[in-house]
C-alpha atoms as a PDB file:
ATOM      1  CA  MET A   1       0.000   0.000   0.000  1.00  0.00           C
ATOM      2  CA  SER A   2       1.664   3.114  -1.153  1.00  0.00           C
ATOM      3  CA  GLU A   3       0.408   6.554  -0.386  1.00  0.00           C
ATOM      4  CA  GLN A   4      -0.652   8.556  -3.318  1.00  0.00           C
ATOM      5  CA  LEU A   5       0.674  12.093  -3.449  1.00  0.00           C
ATOM      6  CA  PRO A   6      -1.537  14.950  -4.632  1.00  0.00           C
ATOM      7  CA  PRO A   7      -0.873  16.208  -8.147  1.00  0.00           C
ATOM      8  CA  ASN A   8       1.471  19.122  -8.545  1.00  0.00           C
ATOM      9  CA  LEU A   9      -0.301  22.368  -7.871  1.00  0.00           C
ATOM     10  CA  ALA A  10       0.612  25.827  -9.048  1.00  0.00           C
ATOM     11  CA  PRO A  11       2.930  27.680  -6.678  1.00  0.00           C
ATOM     12  CA  VAL A  12       1.177  29.893  -4.174  1.00  0.00           C
ATOM     13  CA  TYR A  13       2.320  33.482  -3.817  1.00  0.00           C
ATOM     14  CA  THR A  14       3.162  34.476  -0.264  1.00  0.00           C
ATOM     15  CA  PRO A  15       3.664  38.155   0.504  1.00  0.00           C
ATOM     16  CA  ALA A  16       6.946  39.366   1.931  1.00  0.00           C
ATOM     17  CA  GLN A  17       7.242  38.840   5.629  1.00  0.00           C
ATOM     18  CA  VAL A  18       7.040  41.905   7.815  1.00  0.00           C
ATOM     19  CA  SER A  19       9.933  42.018  10.220  1.00  0.00           C
ATOM     20  CA  ASP A  20       9.098  41.717  13.887  1.00  0.00           C
ATOM     21  CA  LYS A  21      12.028  43.922  14.799  1.00  0.00           C
ATOM     22  CA  ARG A  22      11.019  47.462  15.656  1.00  0.00           C
ATOM     23  CA  GLY A  23      14.445  48.673  16.766  1.00  0.00           C
ATOM     24  CA  PHE A  24      15.096  50.855  13.738  1.00  0.00           C
ATOM     25  CA  ALA A  25      11.652  52.447  14.031  1.00  0.00           C
ATOM     26  CA  ILE A  26      12.076  53.196  17.743  1.00  0.00           C
ATOM     27  CA  ALA A  27      15.596  54.553  17.201  1.00  0.00           C
ATOM     28  CA  SER A  28      14.327  56.770  14.393  1.00  0.00           C
ATOM     29  CA  LEU A  29      11.551  58.165  16.576  1.00  0.00           C
ATOM     30  CA  VAL A  30      13.925  58.859  19.472  1.00  0.00           C
ATOM     31  CA  LEU A  31      16.476  60.517  17.195  1.00  0.00           C
ATOM     32  CA  GLY A  32      13.724  62.582  15.573  1.00  0.00           C
ATOM     33  CA  ILE A  33      12.651  63.930  18.964  1.00  0.00           C
ATOM     34  CA  LEU A  34      16.245  64.579  20.025  1.00  0.00           C
ATOM     35  CA  SER A  35      17.058  66.277  16.721  1.00  0.00           C
ATOM     36  CA  LEU A  36      14.225  68.733  17.285  1.00  0.00           C
ATOM     37  CA  CYS A  37      15.566  69.497  20.749  1.00  0.00           C
ATOM     38  CA  GLY A  38      19.180  69.752  19.562  1.00  0.00           C
ATOM     39  CA  SER A  39      18.575  71.616  16.336  1.00  0.00           C
ATOM     40  CA  GLY A  40      20.032  74.802  17.815  1.00  0.00           C
ATOM     41  CA  ILE A  41      23.400  73.069  17.783  1.00  0.00           C
ATOM     42  CA  PHE A  42      23.842  72.310  14.087  1.00  0.00           C
ATOM     43  CA  ILE A  43      26.417  69.564  14.465  1.00  0.00           C
ATOM     44  CA  CYS A  44      24.316  67.680  16.993  1.00  0.00           C
ATOM     45  CA  GLY A  45      20.902  68.303  15.440  1.00  0.00           C
ATOM     46  CA  GLY A  46      22.044  67.833  11.865  1.00  0.00           C
ATOM     47  CA  ILE A  47      23.795  64.529  12.435  1.00  0.00           C
ATOM     48  CA  MET A  48      20.964  63.136  14.562  1.00  0.00           C
ATOM     49  CA  SER A  49      18.465  64.181  11.898  1.00  0.00           C
ATOM     50  CA  VAL A  50      20.300  62.442   9.085  1.00  0.00           C
ATOM     51  CA  VAL A  51      20.777  59.254  11.139  1.00  0.00           C
ATOM     52  CA  GLY A  52      17.104  59.384  12.171  1.00  0.00           C
ATOM     53  CA  ILE A  53      15.985  59.629   8.548  1.00  0.00           C
ATOM     54  CA  VAL A  54      18.171  56.672   7.531  1.00  0.00           C
ATOM     55  CA  LEU A  55      16.992  54.507  10.442  1.00  0.00           C
ATOM     56  CA  GLY A  56      13.385  55.464   9.716  1.00  0.00           C
ATOM     57  CA  ALA A  57      13.781  54.395   6.106  1.00  0.00           C
ATOM     58  CA  LEU A  58      15.184  51.064   7.280  1.00  0.00           C
ATOM     59  CA  GLY A  59      12.396  50.639   9.830  1.00  0.00           C
ATOM     60  CA  VAL A  60       9.467  51.264   7.485  1.00  0.00           C
ATOM     61  CA  ASN A  61       9.209  47.554   6.645  1.00  0.00           C
ATOM     62  CA  SER A  62       8.764  46.497  10.274  1.00  0.00           C
ATOM     63  CA  LYS A  63       5.790  46.282  12.588  1.00  0.00           C
ATOM     64  CA  GLY A  64       6.653  49.760  13.861  1.00  0.00           C
ATOM     65  CA  LYS A  65       5.861  51.417  10.532  1.00  0.00           C
ATOM     66  CA  GLY A  66       4.008  54.298  12.226  1.00  0.00           C
ATOM     67  CA  MET A  67       6.930  55.011  14.543  1.00  0.00           C
ATOM     68  CA  ALA A  68       9.337  54.900  11.604  1.00  0.00           C
ATOM     69  CA  ILE A  69       7.255  57.379   9.607  1.00  0.00           C
ATOM     70  CA  ALA A  70       6.925  59.666  12.633  1.00  0.00           C
ATOM     71  CA  GLY A  71      10.693  59.433  13.126  1.00  0.00           C
ATOM     72  CA  ILE A  72      11.320  60.372   9.498  1.00  0.00           C
ATOM     73  CA  ILE A  73       8.981  63.368   9.758  1.00  0.00           C
ATOM     74  CA  LEU A  74      10.453  64.584  13.065  1.00  0.00           C
ATOM     75  CA  SER A  75      14.003  64.094  11.795  1.00  0.00           C
ATOM     76  CA  ALA A  76      13.240  66.023   8.603  1.00  0.00           C
ATOM     77  CA  LEU A  77      11.718  68.854  10.639  1.00  0.00           C
ATOM     78  CA  GLY A  78      14.764  68.820  12.919  1.00  0.00           C
ATOM     79  CA  LEU A  79      17.096  69.034   9.927  1.00  0.00           C
ATOM     80  CA  ILE A  80      15.135  71.890   8.365  1.00  0.00           C
ATOM     81  CA  LEU A  81      15.061  73.743  11.688  1.00  0.00           C
ATOM     82  CA  ALA A  82      18.791  73.187  12.181  1.00  0.00           C
ATOM     83  CA  ILE A  83      19.549  74.600   8.730  1.00  0.00           C
ATOM     84  CA  ILE A  84      17.287  77.641   9.281  1.00  0.00           C
ATOM     85  CA  LEU A  85      18.812  78.352  12.699  1.00  0.00           C
ATOM     86  CA  ARG A  86      22.301  77.952  11.237  1.00  0.00           C
ATOM     87  CA  ILE A  87      21.516  80.524   8.538  1.00  0.00           C
ATOM     88  CA  ILE A  88      20.055  82.954  11.088  1.00  0.00           C
ATOM     89  CA  PHE A  89      22.970  82.595  13.525  1.00  0.00           C
ATOM     90  CA  ARG A  90      25.532  82.936  10.759  1.00  0.00           C
ATOM     91  CA  GLY A  91      23.749  86.025   9.432  1.00  0.00           C
ATOM     92  CA  LEU A  92      23.679  87.619  12.876  1.00  0.00           C
ATOM     93  CA  LEU A  93      27.321  86.781  13.462  1.00  0.00           C
ATOM     94  CA  LEU A  94      28.474  88.146  10.119  1.00  0.00           C
ATOM     95  CA  SER A  95      26.321  91.257  10.341  1.00  0.00           C
ATOM     96  CA  HIS A  96      27.950  92.132  13.665  1.00  0.00           C
ATOM     97  CA  TYR A  97      31.579  91.116  13.132  1.00  0.00           C
ATOM     98  CA  PHE A  98      32.125  91.494   9.379  1.00  0.00           C
ATOM     99  CA  PRO A  99      31.822  95.329   9.302  1.00  0.00           C
ATOM    100  CA  GLN A 100      34.257  95.529  12.218  1.00  0.00           C
ATOM    101  CA  PHE A 101      36.668  93.311  10.306  1.00  0.00           C
ATOM    102  CA  LEU A 102      36.455  95.542   7.228  1.00  0.00           C
ATOM    103  CA  ASN A 103      37.124  98.664   9.316  1.00  0.00           C
ATOM    104  CA  GLY A 104      40.178  97.131  10.952  1.00  0.00           C
ATOM    105  CA  ARG A 105      38.569  96.940  14.410  1.00  0.00           C
ATOM    106  CA  TRP A 106      38.459  93.144  14.594  1.00  0.00           C
ATOM    107  CA  PHE A 107      39.482  92.855  18.253  1.00  0.00           C
END
């Protein structure tokens, strides 16, 4: 008595598995919040914003998709704010010290 196997069936499509890991999404959200707080310091806010955007892009395919998207948005806002504040501070600095430099009264 041999068992009869079912006839070959067409392959079944299975969608891509969603990763259970939410670490990238959480890290992106935390860095997005910190980049908003640290955007006054361009080095700190700018770097955290860029890293937050990258981690958010990596975390979009996980269960924490909402956190990853929120992290991307907050990081982008932090980067934009850091650039605007950098332009304002540089303009204030140059408007005060550059005329003194041209007049020879630098110190």
